[in-house]
Amino acid sequence: MTTDPETTAPKTADDLFRFLDELKIEHKTARHEPVFTVAESVSLRDEIPGGHTKNLFVKDKKDRFFLLTVEENAVVDLKTVHTLIGAASKVSFGKPEKLMEYLGVIPGSVTVFGAINDTGHNVTFVLDADLMEHDIINGHPLSNDATTSIGRDDLIRFLEATGHTPLVLKVTA
């Protein structure tokens, strides 16, 4: 039995850009030095307008996975967020192996754009309501050496085109 490499190799930034182009979604990408934390990315704020994201890849006791995409400085109470997102229990961080398997990214590159790799629909995407007040949302295009800007409504359209219906909820303190 052979496996189709198209289904096993994670998609790249170029694949993401092609997909956005096919959807006729306007996007702009700024390349920069790799950033691994929100603190490291602060210097980019003046260059890149819009809401900048922080992403938390979490799971519940039933191994249901969630990606919480919130504004970069927002605080998420991991002891109570499960009651808001419909998790079966308190959540903990998902393992790097599952992050790569489901979203095709490594820690430090976690992004809502990873939905393009979640062909098995293993992850529930949660967009924080406060973040969604921004007209432009910024995220890594599957690697942390660039930032891609996309319109808020286009982000939802992108997620829906990947087969995900995002939950837009207030999950921050």
Protein backbone atom coordinates (compact mmCIF):
# COMPACT_ATOMS: atom_id res chain seq x y z
CA MET A 1 0.00 0.00 0.00
CA THR A 2 1.39 3.40 -0.91
CA THR A 3 0.56 6.64 0.75
CA ASP A 4 -0.04 9.82 -1.11
CA PRO A 5 2.75 12.22 -0.12
CA GLU A 6 0.29 15.06 -0.60
CA THR A 7 -1.61 13.88 2.50
CA THR A 8 1.42 13.19 4.70
CA ALA A 9 3.74 16.16 4.18
CA PRO A 10 2.59 19.37 5.85
CA LYS A 11 1.70 22.19 3.53
CA THR A 12 4.14 25.08 3.19
CA ALA A 13 3.70 28.85 3.24
CA ASP A 14 3.62 28.77 -0.57
CA ASP A 15 0.78 26.22 -0.45
CA LEU A 16 -1.05 28.51 1.98
CA PHE A 17 -0.60 31.55 -0.27
CA ARG A 18 -1.82 29.57 -3.31
CA PHE A 19 -4.90 28.46 -1.36
CA LEU A 20 -5.65 32.03 -0.28
CA ASP A 21 -5.22 33.20 -3.88
CA GLU A 22 -7.62 30.48 -5.10
CA LEU A 23 -10.16 31.76 -2.56
CA LYS A 24 -9.51 35.31 -3.80
CA ILE A 25 -8.51 36.32 -0.28
CA GLU A 26 -6.23 39.33 -0.10
CA HIS A 27 -3.16 38.70 2.03
CA LYS A 28 0.14 40.40 2.69
CA THR A 29 3.23 38.79 4.16
CA ALA A 30 6.19 40.45 5.84
CA ARG A 31 9.36 38.38 6.24
CA HIS A 32 11.44 38.84 9.40
CA GLU A 33 13.86 37.07 11.70
CA PRO A 34 12.30 34.00 13.35
CA VAL A 35 10.32 34.90 16.48
CA PHE A 36 9.42 32.29 19.06
CA THR A 37 7.49 34.33 21.60
CA VAL A 38 5.11 37.26 21.70
CA ALA A 39 7.84 39.26 23.50
CA GLU A 40 10.27 38.70 20.60
CA SER A 41 7.71 39.84 18.05
CA VAL A 42 6.88 43.19 19.68
CA SER A 43 9.37 45.04 17.47
CA LEU A 44 7.23 44.17 14.43
CA ARG A 45 4.17 46.07 15.68
CA ASP A 46 5.07 49.37 14.04
CA GLU A 47 5.67 47.67 10.69
CA ILE A 48 2.62 45.40 10.64
CA PRO A 49 -0.78 46.90 11.52
CA GLY A 50 -3.72 44.91 12.88
CA GLY A 51 -4.37 42.38 15.62
CA HIS A 52 -1.37 40.21 16.41
CA THR A 53 -2.10 36.69 17.59
CA LYS A 54 -1.06 34.30 20.30
CA ASN A 55 -2.09 30.68 19.77
CA LEU A 56 -2.64 28.03 22.42
CA PHE A 57 -2.83 24.41 21.27
CA VAL A 58 -4.69 22.55 24.01
CA LYS A 59 -6.48 19.26 24.59
CA ASP A 60 -9.02 17.81 26.99
CA LYS A 61 -9.04 14.41 28.73
CA LYS A 62 -10.88 12.85 25.77
CA ASP A 63 -8.02 13.91 23.46
CA ARG A 64 -10.12 16.55 21.74
CA PHE A 65 -7.83 19.29 20.49
CA PHE A 66 -8.46 23.03 20.31
CA LEU A 67 -6.51 25.95 18.94
CA LEU A 68 -7.26 29.14 20.84
CA THR A 69 -6.29 32.19 18.79
CA VAL A 70 -6.29 35.33 20.91
CA GLU A 71 -4.78 38.83 20.81
CA GLU A 72 -1.08 38.67 21.66
CA ASN A 73 -1.33 40.28 25.11
CA ALA A 74 -4.56 38.59 26.17
CA VAL A 75 -4.74 36.32 29.19
CA VAL A 76 -6.48 32.94 28.96
CA ASP A 77 -7.43 31.17 32.20
CA LEU A 78 -6.54 27.56 31.41
CA LYS A 79 -8.35 26.40 34.58
CA THR A 80 -11.74 27.61 33.34
CA VAL A 81 -11.55 28.01 29.54
CA HIS A 82 -12.87 24.46 29.05
CA THR A 83 -16.30 25.64 30.21
CA LEU A 84 -16.38 28.19 27.38
CA ILE A 85 -15.07 26.05 24.49
CA GLY A 86 -17.05 22.86 25.14
CA ALA A 87 -14.13 20.72 26.26
CA ALA A 88 -14.83 17.59 28.29
CA SER A 89 -12.44 18.59 31.07
CA LYS A 90 -9.85 21.15 32.02
CA VAL A 91 -7.38 21.54 29.19
CA SER A 92 -3.65 21.02 29.02
CA PHE A 93 -1.19 21.85 26.27
CA GLY A 94 -1.09 19.46 23.34
CA LYS A 95 2.15 17.62 22.65
CA PRO A 96 4.48 18.84 19.88
CA GLU A 97 3.94 15.55 17.99
CA LYS A 98 0.20 16.22 17.74
CA LEU A 99 0.87 19.84 16.80
CA MET A 100 2.93 18.63 13.83
CA GLU A 101 0.52 15.80 12.97
CA TYR A 102 -2.61 17.97 12.99
CA LEU A 103 -1.44 21.51 12.14
CA GLY A 104 1.89 20.82 10.40
CA VAL A 105 3.85 23.23 12.59
CA ILE A 106 6.37 23.12 15.41
CA PRO A 107 6.20 24.95 18.76
CA GLY A 108 7.00 28.62 18.17
CA SER A 109 5.22 28.56 14.81
CA VAL A 110 1.70 27.77 16.02
CA THR A 111 -0.84 29.56 13.86
CA VAL A 112 -4.50 29.62 12.91
CA PHE A 113 -3.28 29.05 9.33
CA GLY A 114 -2.38 25.51 10.43
CA ALA A 115 -6.02 24.68 9.67
CA ILE A 116 -4.87 24.04 6.09
CA ASN A 117 -3.04 20.95 7.38
CA ASP A 118 -5.89 19.62 9.57
CA THR A 119 -7.51 17.57 6.83
CA GLY A 120 -8.83 15.09 9.42
CA HIS A 121 -10.65 17.87 11.30
CA ASN A 122 -9.03 16.91 14.58
CA VAL A 123 -8.84 20.46 15.90
CA THR A 124 -11.58 22.88 16.92
CA PHE A 125 -10.56 26.46 16.11
CA VAL A 126 -11.57 29.12 18.63
CA LEU A 127 -11.14 32.79 17.74
CA ASP A 128 -11.33 35.19 20.67
CA ALA A 129 -14.10 37.77 20.26
CA ASP A 130 -11.77 40.62 21.29
CA LEU A 131 -9.24 39.67 18.60
CA MET A 132 -12.02 39.59 16.02
CA GLU A 133 -12.73 43.29 16.65
CA HIS A 134 -9.61 44.05 14.57
CA ASP A 135 -10.16 44.53 10.82
CA ILE A 136 -6.83 42.83 10.07
CA ILE A 137 -5.56 39.68 11.81
CA ASN A 138 -1.89 38.64 11.70
CA GLY A 139 -0.47 35.14 12.02
CA HIS A 140 2.54 33.10 11.04
CA PRO A 141 2.22 31.50 7.58
CA LEU A 142 3.17 28.04 8.98
CA SER A 143 6.65 29.21 10.04
CA ASN A 144 7.80 31.88 12.46
CA ASP A 145 10.02 33.82 10.04
CA ALA A 146 7.13 35.76 8.50
CA THR A 147 3.79 37.32 9.42
CA THR A 148 0.76 37.14 7.14
CA SER A 149 -2.00 39.74 7.40
CA ILE A 150 -5.56 38.88 6.39
CA GLY A 151 -8.94 40.50 6.86
CA ARG A 152 -11.04 39.34 9.80
CA ASP A 153 -13.92 38.10 7.64
CA ASP A 154 -11.46 36.47 5.23
CA LEU A 155 -9.93 34.56 8.13
CA ILE A 156 -13.31 33.02 8.84
CA ARG A 157 -13.77 32.30 5.13
CA PHE A 158 -10.32 30.63 5.04
CA LEU A 159 -11.20 28.42 8.03
CA GLU A 160 -14.53 27.45 6.50
CA ALA A 161 -12.78 26.61 3.21
CA THR A 162 -10.56 24.17 5.15
CA GLY A 163 -13.70 22.49 6.51
CA HIS A 164 -13.60 24.15 9.94
CA THR A 165 -16.36 26.25 11.43
CA PRO A 166 -14.56 28.45 13.94
CA LEU A 167 -16.07 29.31 17.28
CA VAL A 168 -15.90 33.05 17.95
CA LEU A 169 -16.04 33.32 21.74
CA LYS A 170 -14.78 35.58 24.51
CA VAL A 171 -12.13 33.28 26.01
CA THR A 172 -9.83 35.92 27.49
CA ALA A 173 -9.85 37.57 30.88
